[in-house]
Amino acid sequence: MLFSVTVLVPPANTAHAYSSSKANSIIATAKRYMGTPYDFGAPSGSTRAFDCSSFTQFVYAKYGVKLPRTSQQQSRAGSFVSKANLKPGDLVFFYSPIHHVAIYIGNGKILHTYGAPGVTISNMNSSFWKSKYKTARRVL
């Protein structure tokens, strides 16, 4: 007696393509705020100034991703991702205890806001940011 078995395999990279698309949209939106001033404790939803976590919260919310208000709270959202497996759109966190969050945009670059530059792009592999790196989360 012979049995036939049909195995249904979902199309490759279906979930990844969606996340990639959303990540690209989030990054494009975030880049529109380049140079927006930094203000610690900036209110949620304001676009006149951001602090690091109000920036990530604002940009991700535009794409239906609800994040808590502070970087420390955001560091518990989504799922852990190792530094070696970062993908654009992942959130990266710095300092111990955590008090800075940035958007990973690929090729070792982060999009974030702090101090005088306001919203800017930095190299997370620079000696400064590399020494402050703590963890990362995937929220897409």
C-alpha atoms as a PDB file:
ATOM      1  CA  MET A   1       0.000   0.000   0.000  1.00  0.00           C
ATOM      2  CA  LEU A   2       1.420   3.385  -1.032  1.00  0.00           C
ATOM      3  CA  PHE A   3       0.646   6.666   0.684  1.00  0.00           C
ATOM      4  CA  SER A   4       0.984  10.063  -0.823  1.00  0.00           C
ATOM      5  CA  VAL A   5       1.978  12.907   1.427  1.00  0.00           C
ATOM      6  CA  THR A   6       1.614  16.540   0.467  1.00  0.00           C
ATOM      7  CA  VAL A   7       3.739  19.014   2.330  1.00  0.00           C
ATOM      8  CA  LEU A   8       2.692  22.632   2.177  1.00  0.00           C
ATOM      9  CA  VAL A   9       5.630  24.997   2.404  1.00  0.00           C
ATOM     10  CA  PRO A  10       5.001  28.720   2.768  1.00  0.00           C
ATOM     11  CA  PRO A  11       6.760  30.945   0.233  1.00  0.00           C
ATOM     12  CA  ALA A  12      10.312  31.679   1.297  1.00  0.00           C
ATOM     13  CA  ASN A  13      10.949  34.929   3.121  1.00  0.00           C
ATOM     14  CA  THR A  14       7.287  35.968   3.251  1.00  0.00           C
ATOM     15  CA  ALA A  15       7.500  37.229   6.840  1.00  0.00           C
ATOM     16  CA  HIS A  16      10.957  38.683   6.289  1.00  0.00           C
ATOM     17  CA  ALA A  17       9.874  40.599   3.183  1.00  0.00           C
ATOM     18  CA  TYR A  18       7.049  42.200   5.167  1.00  0.00           C
ATOM     19  CA  SER A  19       9.346  43.128   8.042  1.00  0.00           C
ATOM     20  CA  SER A  20      11.955  44.439   5.591  1.00  0.00           C
ATOM     21  CA  SER A  21       9.370  46.579   3.888  1.00  0.00           C
ATOM     22  CA  LYS A  22       8.107  47.956   7.194  1.00  0.00           C
ATOM     23  CA  ALA A  23      11.689  48.516   8.394  1.00  0.00           C
ATOM     24  CA  ASN A  24      12.526  50.461   5.228  1.00  0.00           C
ATOM     25  CA  SER A  25       9.429  52.623   5.712  1.00  0.00           C
ATOM     26  CA  ILE A  26      10.280  53.271   9.366  1.00  0.00           C
ATOM     27  CA  ILE A  27      13.844  54.236   8.468  1.00  0.00           C
ATOM     28  CA  ALA A  28      12.698  56.529   5.634  1.00  0.00           C
ATOM     29  CA  THR A  29      10.249  58.257   7.972  1.00  0.00           C
ATOM     30  CA  ALA A  30      12.876  58.600  10.713  1.00  0.00           C
ATOM     31  CA  LYS A  31      15.333  60.169   8.247  1.00  0.00           C
ATOM     32  CA  ARG A  32      12.805  62.925   7.502  1.00  0.00           C
ATOM     33  CA  TYR A  33      13.444  64.186  11.046  1.00  0.00           C
ATOM     34  CA  MET A  34      17.238  64.513  10.628  1.00  0.00           C
ATOM     35  CA  GLY A  35      18.457  67.527  12.575  1.00  0.00           C
ATOM     36  CA  THR A  36      15.333  67.799  14.749  1.00  0.00           C
ATOM     37  CA  PRO A  37      16.592  69.021  18.134  1.00  0.00           C
ATOM     38  CA  TYR A  38      17.159  66.756  21.109  1.00  0.00           C
ATOM     39  CA  ASP A  39      15.282  67.542  24.315  1.00  0.00           C
ATOM     40  CA  PHE A  40      15.462  65.135  27.259  1.00  0.00           C
ATOM     41  CA  GLY A  41      11.934  64.306  28.370  1.00  0.00           C
ATOM     42  CA  ALA A  42      10.355  65.588  25.143  1.00  0.00           C
ATOM     43  CA  PRO A  43       6.642  64.779  25.203  1.00  0.00           C
ATOM     44  CA  SER A  44       5.309  61.789  23.283  1.00  0.00           C
ATOM     45  CA  GLY A  45       3.913  62.741  19.895  1.00  0.00           C
ATOM     46  CA  SER A  46       5.814  66.026  19.624  1.00  0.00           C
ATOM     47  CA  THR A  47       7.893  66.567  16.480  1.00  0.00           C
ATOM     48  CA  ARG A  48       9.460  69.898  17.557  1.00  0.00           C
ATOM     49  CA  ALA A  49      12.054  67.989  19.598  1.00  0.00           C
ATOM     50  CA  PHE A  50      12.663  64.380  20.605  1.00  0.00           C
ATOM     51  CA  ASP A  51      14.570  62.444  23.164  1.00  0.00           C
ATOM     52  CA  CYS A  52      15.814  59.029  22.071  1.00  0.00           C
ATOM     53  CA  SER A  53      12.801  57.030  23.203  1.00  0.00           C
ATOM     54  CA  SER A  54      10.138  59.557  22.198  1.00  0.00           C
ATOM     55  CA  PHE A  55      11.739  59.459  18.733  1.00  0.00           C
ATOM     56  CA  THR A  56      11.556  55.664  18.401  1.00  0.00           C
ATOM     57  CA  GLN A  57       8.085  55.584  19.948  1.00  0.00           C
ATOM     58  CA  PHE A  58       6.826  58.234  17.494  1.00  0.00           C
ATOM     59  CA  VAL A  59       8.326  56.728  14.337  1.00  0.00           C
ATOM     60  CA  TYR A  60       7.308  53.118  15.062  1.00  0.00           C
ATOM     61  CA  ALA A  61       3.768  54.188  16.048  1.00  0.00           C
ATOM     62  CA  LYS A  62       3.275  55.547  12.506  1.00  0.00           C
ATOM     63  CA  TYR A  63       3.524  51.908  11.357  1.00  0.00           C
ATOM     64  CA  GLY A  64       1.346  50.351  14.045  1.00  0.00           C
ATOM     65  CA  VAL A  65       4.143  49.315  16.413  1.00  0.00           C
ATOM     66  CA  LYS A  66       3.351  50.440  19.942  1.00  0.00           C
ATOM     67  CA  LEU A  67       6.413  50.983  22.087  1.00  0.00           C
ATOM     68  CA  PRO A  68       6.584  51.994  25.748  1.00  0.00           C
ATOM     69  CA  ARG A  69       7.845  55.501  26.532  1.00  0.00           C
ATOM     70  CA  THR A  70      11.337  55.014  27.980  1.00  0.00           C
ATOM     71  CA  SER A  71      14.410  53.335  26.506  1.00  0.00           C
ATOM     72  CA  GLN A  72      14.593  50.987  29.492  1.00  0.00           C
ATOM     73  CA  GLN A  73      10.953  49.917  28.949  1.00  0.00           C
ATOM     74  CA  GLN A  74      11.537  49.593  25.190  1.00  0.00           C
ATOM     75  CA  SER A  75      14.498  47.292  25.903  1.00  0.00           C
ATOM     76  CA  ARG A  76      11.968  44.696  27.092  1.00  0.00           C
ATOM     77  CA  ALA A  77       9.664  44.954  24.033  1.00  0.00           C
ATOM     78  CA  GLY A  78       9.754  42.451  21.186  1.00  0.00           C
ATOM     79  CA  SER A  79      12.357  39.704  21.255  1.00  0.00           C
ATOM     80  CA  PHE A  80      16.089  39.597  21.891  1.00  0.00           C
ATOM     81  CA  VAL A  81      18.374  39.717  18.866  1.00  0.00           C
ATOM     82  CA  SER A  82      22.136  39.276  19.028  1.00  0.00           C
ATOM     83  CA  LYS A  83      24.439  41.970  17.711  1.00  0.00           C
ATOM     84  CA  ALA A  84      25.621  39.563  15.013  1.00  0.00           C
ATOM     85  CA  ASN A  85      22.050  39.106  13.741  1.00  0.00           C
ATOM     86  CA  LEU A  86      20.880  42.716  13.640  1.00  0.00           C
ATOM     87  CA  LYS A  87      18.577  43.689  10.795  1.00  0.00           C
ATOM     88  CA  PRO A  88      17.412  47.155   9.752  1.00  0.00           C
ATOM     89  CA  GLY A  89      14.523  48.215  11.974  1.00  0.00           C
ATOM     90  CA  ASP A  90      15.846  46.513  15.106  1.00  0.00           C
ATOM     91  CA  LEU A  91      16.146  48.666  18.207  1.00  0.00           C
ATOM     92  CA  VAL A  92      19.603  48.870  19.771  1.00  0.00           C
ATOM     93  CA  PHE A  93      20.253  49.926  23.343  1.00  0.00           C
ATOM     94  CA  PHE A  94      23.224  51.508  25.029  1.00  0.00           C
ATOM     95  CA  TYR A  95      24.676  52.052  28.506  1.00  0.00           C
ATOM     96  CA  SER A  96      24.212  50.096  31.700  1.00  0.00           C
ATOM     97  CA  PRO A  97      21.661  50.653  33.033  1.00  0.00           C
ATOM     98  CA  ILE A  98      20.047  51.212  29.652  1.00  0.00           C
ATOM     99  CA  HIS A  99      19.273  54.846  28.943  1.00  0.00           C
ATOM    100  CA  HIS A 100      19.656  55.213  25.169  1.00  0.00           C
ATOM    101  CA  VAL A 101      17.851  53.633  22.209  1.00  0.00           C
ATOM    102  CA  ALA A 102      18.515  53.864  18.476  1.00  0.00           C
ATOM    103  CA  ILE A 103      17.187  52.358  15.246  1.00  0.00           C
ATOM    104  CA  TYR A 104      19.587  50.007  13.486  1.00  0.00           C
ATOM    105  CA  ILE A 105      19.627  50.950   9.781  1.00  0.00           C
ATOM    106  CA  GLY A 106      22.189  48.448   8.477  1.00  0.00           C
ATOM    107  CA  ASN A 107      25.934  48.417   7.775  1.00  0.00           C
ATOM    108  CA  GLY A 108      26.748  49.191  11.412  1.00  0.00           C
ATOM    109  CA  LYS A 109      24.803  52.467  11.354  1.00  0.00           C
ATOM    110  CA  ILE A 110      22.201  53.718  13.819  1.00  0.00           C
ATOM    111  CA  LEU A 111      19.615  56.480  13.502  1.00  0.00           C
ATOM    112  CA  HIS A 112      18.920  58.200  16.813  1.00  0.00           C
ATOM    113  CA  THR A 113      18.885  61.480  18.693  1.00  0.00           C
ATOM    114  CA  TYR A 114      21.078  62.830  21.440  1.00  0.00           C
ATOM    115  CA  GLY A 115      22.714  66.104  22.418  1.00  0.00           C
ATOM    116  CA  ALA A 116      23.767  68.799  19.955  1.00  0.00           C
ATOM    117  CA  PRO A 117      23.319  66.942  16.671  1.00  0.00           C
ATOM    118  CA  GLY A 118      19.670  66.101  17.388  1.00  0.00           C
ATOM    119  CA  VAL A 119      18.393  63.347  15.079  1.00  0.00           C
ATOM    120  CA  THR A 120      21.462  61.951  13.357  1.00  0.00           C
ATOM    121  CA  ILE A 121      23.138  58.834  11.966  1.00  0.00           C
ATOM    122  CA  SER A 122      26.116  57.370  13.824  1.00  0.00           C
ATOM    123  CA  ASN A 123      28.419  54.404  13.373  1.00  0.00           C
ATOM    124  CA  MET A 124      27.663  52.011  16.215  1.00  0.00           C
ATOM    125  CA  ASN A 125      31.083  50.413  15.676  1.00  0.00           C
ATOM    126  CA  SER A 126      32.881  53.650  16.522  1.00  0.00           C
ATOM    127  CA  SER A 127      34.872  53.330  19.718  1.00  0.00           C
ATOM    128  CA  PHE A 128      32.350  55.478  21.598  1.00  0.00           C
ATOM    129  CA  TRP A 129      29.132  53.618  20.694  1.00  0.00           C
ATOM    130  CA  LYS A 130      30.778  50.180  20.565  1.00  0.00           C
ATOM    131  CA  SER A 131      31.875  50.546  24.190  1.00  0.00           C
ATOM    132  CA  LYS A 132      28.342  51.566  25.260  1.00  0.00           C
ATOM    133  CA  TYR A 133      26.399  48.829  23.394  1.00  0.00           C
ATOM    134  CA  LYS A 134      24.170  46.750  25.697  1.00  0.00           C
ATOM    135  CA  THR A 135      21.503  44.778  23.765  1.00  0.00           C
ATOM    136  CA  ALA A 136      19.029  44.788  20.891  1.00  0.00           C
ATOM    137  CA  ARG A 137      15.370  43.905  20.346  1.00  0.00           C
ATOM    138  CA  ARG A 138      13.367  43.005  17.266  1.00  0.00           C
ATOM    139  CA  VAL A 139       9.939  44.638  17.372  1.00  0.00           C
ATOM    140  CA  LEU A 140       8.885  44.121  13.730  1.00  0.00           C
END
